Amino acid sequence: MIKRLKFCIFLILLISTCNNQSLKDKFSKRKNTFNQIDDKLNKLAEQLGTTVDKTVGGSSFDGVDVPKYKLETRKIFWKEGSIGKGIMIVQNFDNRKMDSPDWDFMNIAWLQDSASTNRGRPFWEKDLLKKVKFEKIEKSIDQLLKESLDNLRAVKRSDLSYN
């Protein structure tokens, strides 16, 4: 009986290890969409005294969650005075293609020092590209980053709103 119990525990551990390895393989085999532009994003983030955030949130369409290993993003956030600022490159699944989503490139700013209310925080947003193929971002990354810095340097407190 004890031998059988040990064998069952061993089998469970083996299956669990294989499943974890399978998930790791999915993550490691995924190509990094951002290979061509990561150096430029990292350099800009360093100049701004911050880092590139690769944290992804959840996404779904038609009630189906997009697996985390298919999600990619790049965000650069920093603070200038009382205003938080950001450059975001995020997937857009409006095309309903889990394996080849479109992409959005946006600039955001928000009031950093205000307490959040039921209306949120005063906010500003500008889409530089919406629902485009990633290649368009790669081809125009230098211009997009320059335009982002120009946009975000010009944002003043009076530009932020609750809408």
Protein backbone atom coordinates (compact mmCIF):
# COMPACT_ATOMS: atom_id res chain seq x y z
CA MET A 1 0.00 0.00 0.00
CA ILE A 2 2.81 2.43 0.90
CA LYS A 3 4.70 1.55 -2.28
CA ARG A 4 1.58 2.27 -4.31
CA LEU A 5 1.08 5.63 -2.53
CA LYS A 6 4.71 6.59 -3.18
CA PHE A 7 4.30 5.61 -6.82
CA CYS A 8 1.13 7.75 -7.13
CA ILE A 9 2.89 10.74 -5.55
CA PHE A 10 5.85 10.24 -7.88
CA LEU A 11 3.50 10.07 -10.87
CA ILE A 12 1.70 13.26 -9.85
CA LEU A 13 5.00 15.09 -9.44
CA LEU A 14 6.21 13.83 -12.82
CA ILE A 15 3.04 14.96 -14.60
CA SER A 16 3.16 18.34 -12.85
CA THR A 17 6.81 18.83 -13.84
CA CYS A 18 6.05 17.92 -17.47
CA ASN A 19 3.14 20.40 -17.58
CA ASN A 20 5.32 23.15 -16.12
CA GLN A 21 8.07 22.40 -18.64
CA SER A 22 5.54 22.51 -21.48
CA LEU A 23 4.45 25.98 -20.34
CA LYS A 24 8.08 27.11 -20.04
CA ASP A 25 8.70 25.86 -23.59
CA LYS A 26 5.79 27.95 -24.87
CA PHE A 27 7.28 31.03 -23.19
CA SER A 28 10.82 30.40 -24.35
CA LYS A 29 9.86 29.58 -27.96
CA ARG A 30 7.80 32.74 -28.35
CA LYS A 31 9.61 35.24 -30.48
CA ASN A 32 10.17 38.67 -29.01
CA THR A 33 8.16 40.99 -31.23
CA PHE A 34 10.15 43.94 -29.90
CA ASN A 35 13.64 42.67 -30.91
CA GLN A 36 14.15 45.44 -33.48
CA ILE A 37 13.17 48.31 -31.16
CA ASP A 38 13.93 47.21 -27.58
CA ASP A 39 17.38 48.87 -27.62
CA LYS A 40 15.86 52.22 -28.59
CA LEU A 41 13.14 51.92 -25.95
CA ASN A 42 15.68 50.99 -23.27
CA LYS A 43 17.95 53.89 -24.25
CA LEU A 44 15.08 56.38 -24.07
CA ALA A 45 13.93 55.01 -20.72
CA GLU A 46 17.46 55.32 -19.35
CA GLN A 47 17.63 58.96 -20.53
CA LEU A 48 14.35 59.60 -18.69
CA GLY A 49 15.64 57.93 -15.53
CA THR A 50 13.27 54.98 -15.67
CA THR A 51 12.98 51.49 -17.16
CA VAL A 52 10.84 49.81 -19.79
CA ASP A 53 7.88 48.00 -18.23
CA LYS A 54 6.94 44.71 -19.92
CA THR A 55 4.14 43.79 -17.51
CA VAL A 56 1.02 42.61 -19.30
CA GLY A 57 -2.55 42.69 -18.08
CA GLY A 58 -5.30 40.35 -19.14
CA SER A 59 -7.06 40.56 -22.46
CA SER A 60 -9.99 38.69 -23.90
CA PHE A 61 -12.40 38.69 -26.80
CA ASP A 62 -15.62 36.80 -27.35
CA GLY A 63 -15.35 35.79 -23.70
CA VAL A 64 -12.10 33.91 -24.33
CA ASP A 65 -9.02 34.97 -22.37
CA VAL A 66 -5.90 35.52 -24.42
CA PRO A 67 -3.16 33.31 -22.93
CA LYS A 68 -0.53 35.34 -21.05
CA TYR A 69 2.28 33.89 -23.17
CA LYS A 70 0.71 35.53 -26.26
CA LEU A 71 0.60 38.99 -24.66
CA GLU A 72 3.37 41.52 -25.15
CA THR A 73 3.65 45.20 -24.37
CA ARG A 74 6.18 47.93 -23.73
CA LYS A 75 5.55 50.93 -21.49
CA ILE A 76 7.80 53.74 -20.40
CA PHE A 77 6.47 55.72 -17.42
CA TRP A 78 8.10 58.68 -15.68
CA LYS A 79 7.17 61.73 -13.66
CA GLU A 80 7.76 65.40 -14.46
CA GLY A 81 6.70 67.59 -11.58
CA SER A 82 3.17 66.63 -10.60
CA ILE A 83 2.41 64.95 -13.93
CA GLY A 84 2.96 61.27 -14.67
CA LYS A 85 3.77 60.59 -18.32
CA GLY A 86 3.92 57.49 -20.45
CA ILE A 87 4.60 55.98 -23.85
CA MET A 88 2.74 52.73 -24.44
CA ILE A 89 2.90 50.12 -27.19
CA VAL A 90 0.07 47.65 -26.66
CA GLN A 91 -1.71 44.92 -28.55
CA ASN A 92 -5.15 45.62 -29.96
CA PHE A 93 -7.31 42.55 -30.49
CA ASP A 94 -10.16 44.34 -32.28
CA ASN A 95 -9.19 42.38 -35.40
CA ARG A 96 -10.11 39.22 -33.42
CA LYS A 97 -6.83 37.50 -34.33
CA MET A 98 -5.16 36.03 -31.29
CA ASP A 99 -1.97 35.13 -33.17
CA SER A 100 -1.57 38.37 -35.10
CA PRO A 101 -3.10 41.27 -33.24
CA ASP A 102 -2.94 44.85 -34.38
CA TRP A 103 -1.00 47.37 -32.30
CA ASP A 104 -1.57 50.78 -30.73
CA PHE A 105 1.11 53.35 -29.95
CA MET A 106 -0.06 55.99 -27.49
CA ASN A 107 1.03 58.78 -25.19
CA ILE A 108 -0.63 59.33 -21.83
CA ALA A 109 -0.34 61.80 -18.98
CA TRP A 110 -2.13 62.00 -15.63
CA LEU A 111 -2.09 64.13 -12.51
CA GLN A 112 0.20 62.31 -10.12
CA ASP A 113 -0.44 64.18 -6.86
CA SER A 114 -4.21 64.27 -6.74
CA ALA A 115 -6.21 61.84 -4.68
CA SER A 116 -8.27 59.55 -6.83
CA THR A 117 -11.98 60.36 -6.77
CA ASN A 118 -14.98 58.51 -8.12
CA ARG A 119 -14.12 60.21 -11.42
CA GLY A 120 -10.52 58.96 -11.31
CA ARG A 121 -7.57 61.28 -11.91
CA PRO A 122 -7.32 64.05 -14.47
CA PHE A 123 -5.94 62.42 -17.60
CA TRP A 124 -4.71 63.11 -21.15
CA GLU A 125 -4.24 60.64 -24.00
CA LYS A 126 -3.12 60.80 -27.62
CA ASP A 127 -3.01 57.87 -30.03
CA LEU A 128 -0.13 58.16 -32.47
CA LEU A 129 -1.01 54.87 -34.18
CA LYS A 130 -4.14 52.79 -33.78
CA LYS A 131 -4.78 49.25 -35.04
CA VAL A 132 -1.64 48.94 -37.16
CA LYS A 133 0.67 46.05 -37.96
CA PHE A 134 3.77 45.98 -35.77
CA GLU A 135 6.04 46.55 -38.78
CA LYS A 136 4.66 50.09 -39.05
CA ILE A 137 5.84 50.80 -35.51
CA GLU A 138 9.27 49.30 -36.25
CA LYS A 139 9.70 51.37 -39.41
CA SER A 140 8.75 54.65 -37.73
CA ILE A 141 10.02 54.10 -34.16
CA ASP A 142 12.49 57.01 -34.23
CA GLN A 143 9.82 59.47 -35.36
CA LEU A 144 7.24 58.02 -32.94
CA LEU A 145 9.58 58.40 -29.96
CA LYS A 146 10.52 61.95 -30.97
CA GLU A 147 6.86 62.90 -31.44
CA SER A 148 6.00 61.26 -28.10
CA LEU A 149 8.62 63.31 -26.25
CA ASP A 150 7.44 66.50 -27.97
CA ASN A 151 3.80 65.72 -27.10
CA LEU A 152 4.53 64.82 -23.50
CA ARG A 153 6.88 67.75 -22.84
CA ALA A 154 4.09 70.08 -23.97
CA VAL A 155 1.42 68.59 -21.66
CA LYS A 156 0.47 71.00 -18.87
CA ARG A 157 -1.81 70.56 -15.87
CA SER A 158 -4.50 72.47 -17.71
CA ASP A 159 -4.48 69.82 -20.49
CA LEU A 160 -5.56 67.08 -18.07
CA SER A 161 -9.26 66.35 -17.67
CA TYR A 162 -11.65 63.71 -16.39
CA ASN A 163 -12.98 62.93 -19.89
